[in-house]
């Protein structure tokens, strides 16, 4: 057995850790799990010790490929919805609702919707794109904003979320 096979065999838990930590709504999605496992296998085959651990390298590889998977799924859903002439909703509304439908916890869903009401329109767009799996750099390109502006918006969203969560716990 070569080193790549050993790395793959010994680190399969990284797939479940990454999905649970970064994409909790995908933990039961067989296609996402398969995509993550393939990413881990490719990472184990390509890994070379160059100053960072295998787990760091593998998690980034898994995340990158899961984001690609999400983009493909989004396009597939958009194409299916386009064919459905009776569906009157916009592209952004349909994908946002697809994400929301995957969140099984109704309380979280309600909290999220109330929380989003506290955001500025610009922050709502950024959080929507983050939930769709876009990286900040992709959001910079998509919204034609500076990196610092997108970083600032993400930070503001995080501060508002922490404030919102602590206020909810004290009720």
Protein backbone atom coordinates (compact mmCIF):
# COMPACT_ATOMS: atom_id res chain seq x y z
CA UNK A 1 0.00 0.00 0.00
CA UNK A 2 1.49 3.38 -0.93
CA UNK A 3 1.48 6.49 1.26
CA UNK A 4 -1.52 7.98 -0.54
CA UNK A 5 -3.69 4.99 0.25
CA UNK A 6 -2.62 5.11 3.90
CA UNK A 7 -3.40 8.83 4.12
CA UNK A 8 -6.82 8.24 2.59
CA UNK A 9 -7.60 5.28 4.84
CA UNK A 10 -6.43 7.01 8.03
CA UNK A 11 -8.12 10.36 7.39
CA UNK A 12 -11.65 9.53 6.23
CA UNK A 13 -12.96 11.23 9.36
CA UNK A 14 -11.92 14.54 7.78
CA UNK A 15 -14.79 14.15 5.30
CA UNK A 16 -17.38 13.97 8.04
CA UNK A 17 -15.68 16.67 10.10
CA UNK A 18 -15.60 19.05 7.13
CA UNK A 19 -19.21 18.43 6.16
CA UNK A 20 -20.45 18.75 9.72
CA UNK A 21 -18.38 21.86 10.46
CA UNK A 22 -18.77 23.81 7.18
CA UNK A 23 -21.86 22.30 5.52
CA UNK A 24 -24.13 20.80 8.22
CA UNK A 25 -27.09 20.74 5.84
CA UNK A 26 -25.15 18.34 3.56
CA UNK A 27 -24.27 15.66 6.13
CA UNK A 28 -26.95 13.33 4.75
CA UNK A 29 -26.44 14.21 1.07
CA UNK A 30 -24.90 11.11 -0.52
CA UNK A 31 -23.59 13.05 -3.53
CA UNK A 32 -21.86 15.60 -1.28
CA UNK A 33 -20.33 12.81 0.81
CA UNK A 34 -19.10 11.06 -2.34
CA UNK A 35 -17.66 14.34 -3.66
CA UNK A 36 -15.88 14.87 -0.35
CA UNK A 37 -14.48 11.31 -0.33
CA UNK A 38 -13.17 11.70 -3.88
CA UNK A 39 -11.58 15.01 -2.85
CA UNK A 40 -9.89 13.31 0.10
CA UNK A 41 -8.61 10.55 -2.16
CA UNK A 42 -7.20 13.08 -4.66
CA UNK A 43 -5.65 15.06 -1.80
CA UNK A 44 -4.02 11.91 -0.41
CA UNK A 45 -2.56 11.11 -3.84
CA UNK A 46 -1.24 14.66 -4.42
CA UNK A 47 -0.06 15.59 -0.93
CA UNK A 48 3.57 16.51 -0.48
CA UNK A 49 4.99 17.66 2.85
CA UNK A 50 5.68 21.33 2.16
CA UNK A 51 5.13 23.09 5.45
CA UNK A 52 1.55 22.29 6.40
CA UNK A 53 -0.26 19.23 7.67
CA UNK A 54 -2.21 16.82 5.52
CA UNK A 55 -5.45 17.65 7.33
CA UNK A 56 -5.12 21.35 6.42
CA UNK A 57 -4.43 20.44 2.79
CA UNK A 58 -7.25 17.87 2.65
CA UNK A 59 -9.91 20.08 4.28
CA UNK A 60 -9.18 22.89 1.80
CA UNK A 61 -9.41 20.41 -1.07
CA UNK A 62 -12.70 19.00 0.25
CA UNK A 63 -14.17 22.49 0.74
CA UNK A 64 -13.11 23.59 -2.75
CA UNK A 65 -14.75 20.55 -4.34
CA UNK A 66 -17.91 20.78 -2.23
CA UNK A 67 -18.26 24.41 -3.34
CA UNK A 68 -17.93 23.28 -6.96
CA UNK A 69 -20.55 20.61 -6.29
CA UNK A 70 -22.89 23.24 -4.82
CA UNK A 71 -22.41 25.50 -7.84
CA UNK A 72 -23.22 22.63 -10.20
CA UNK A 73 -26.30 21.77 -8.14
CA UNK A 74 -27.40 25.41 -8.19
CA UNK A 75 -27.08 25.51 -11.98
CA UNK A 76 -28.93 22.21 -12.28
CA UNK A 77 -31.75 23.53 -10.09
CA UNK A 78 -31.89 26.76 -12.05
CA UNK A 79 -32.16 24.81 -15.31
CA UNK A 80 -34.92 22.62 -13.90
CA UNK A 81 -36.79 25.64 -12.59
CA UNK A 82 -36.41 27.41 -15.93
CA UNK A 83 -38.15 24.47 -17.60
CA UNK A 84 -41.01 24.69 -15.11
CA UNK A 85 -43.10 27.41 -16.74
CA UNK A 86 -45.52 27.57 -13.82
CA UNK A 87 -42.84 28.68 -11.37
CA UNK A 88 -42.95 32.48 -11.18
CA UNK A 89 -40.17 33.04 -8.59
CA UNK A 90 -36.84 34.61 -9.44
CA UNK A 91 -33.57 32.71 -9.68
CA UNK A 92 -32.24 34.07 -6.38
CA UNK A 93 -35.46 33.33 -4.51
CA UNK A 94 -35.55 29.74 -5.72
CA UNK A 95 -31.98 28.97 -4.72
CA UNK A 96 -32.38 30.69 -1.37
CA UNK A 97 -35.50 28.62 -0.72
CA UNK A 98 -33.62 25.45 -1.72
CA UNK A 99 -30.98 26.19 0.89
CA UNK A 100 -33.62 26.94 3.50
CA UNK A 101 -35.47 23.72 2.73
CA UNK A 102 -32.33 21.76 3.55
CA UNK A 103 -32.14 23.27 7.03
CA UNK A 104 -34.25 20.82 8.99
CA UNK A 105 -34.40 22.73 12.28
CA UNK A 106 -37.49 24.96 12.11
CA UNK A 107 -36.34 27.08 15.05
CA UNK A 108 -33.05 27.84 13.35
CA UNK A 109 -34.91 28.70 10.18
CA UNK A 110 -37.13 31.16 12.04
CA UNK A 111 -34.13 32.63 13.87
CA UNK A 112 -32.25 32.99 10.60
CA UNK A 113 -35.14 34.82 8.93
CA UNK A 114 -35.54 37.20 11.88
CA UNK A 115 -31.78 37.72 11.96
CA UNK A 116 -31.70 38.56 8.24
CA UNK A 117 -34.23 41.34 8.85
CA UNK A 118 -31.57 43.06 10.98
CA UNK A 119 -29.07 43.08 8.11
CA UNK A 120 -28.57 45.77 5.51
CA UNK A 121 -29.51 44.81 1.94
CA UNK A 122 -25.80 44.56 1.07
CA UNK A 123 -25.17 42.23 4.04
CA UNK A 124 -28.14 40.06 3.02
CA UNK A 125 -26.65 39.56 -0.44
CA UNK A 126 -23.27 38.63 1.04
CA UNK A 127 -24.71 36.13 3.55
CA UNK A 128 -26.85 34.58 0.81
CA UNK A 129 -23.75 34.07 -1.35
CA UNK A 130 -21.77 32.67 1.58
CA UNK A 131 -24.55 30.15 2.28
CA UNK A 132 -24.51 29.19 -1.39
CA UNK A 133 -20.86 28.21 -0.98
CA UNK A 134 -19.10 31.17 -2.54
CA UNK A 135 -15.69 32.13 -1.20
CA UNK A 136 -15.14 35.77 -0.24
CA UNK A 137 -12.90 36.30 -3.28
CA UNK A 138 -15.70 35.03 -5.54
CA UNK A 139 -18.13 37.41 -3.84
CA UNK A 140 -15.68 40.26 -4.53
CA UNK A 141 -15.82 39.44 -8.25
CA UNK A 142 -19.55 38.78 -8.35
CA UNK A 143 -20.57 41.98 -6.53
CA UNK A 144 -17.69 44.07 -7.92
CA UNK A 145 -16.68 45.21 -4.43
CA UNK A 146 -13.22 45.52 -2.92
CA UNK A 147 -11.80 42.69 -0.83
CA UNK A 148 -11.74 44.94 2.22
CA UNK A 149 -15.43 45.87 1.75
CA UNK A 150 -16.50 42.23 1.52
CA UNK A 151 -14.32 41.34 4.51
CA UNK A 152 -15.87 44.23 6.45
CA UNK A 153 -19.40 43.06 5.55
CA UNK A 154 -18.61 39.48 6.64
CA UNK A 155 -17.19 40.75 9.91
CA UNK A 156 -20.26 42.96 10.50
CA UNK A 157 -22.55 39.98 9.83
CA UNK A 158 -20.57 37.89 12.35
CA UNK A 159 -20.79 40.60 15.01
CA UNK A 160 -24.54 40.97 14.42
CA UNK A 161 -25.01 37.17 14.57
CA UNK A 162 -23.15 36.93 17.91
CA UNK A 163 -25.19 39.82 19.31
CA UNK A 164 -28.41 38.28 18.02
CA UNK A 165 -27.59 34.83 19.44
CA UNK A 166 -26.66 36.19 22.88
CA UNK A 167 -29.86 38.27 22.98
CA UNK A 168 -31.95 35.20 22.02
CA UNK A 169 -30.36 33.06 24.76
CA UNK A 170 -31.24 35.62 27.41
CA UNK A 171 -34.94 35.67 26.48
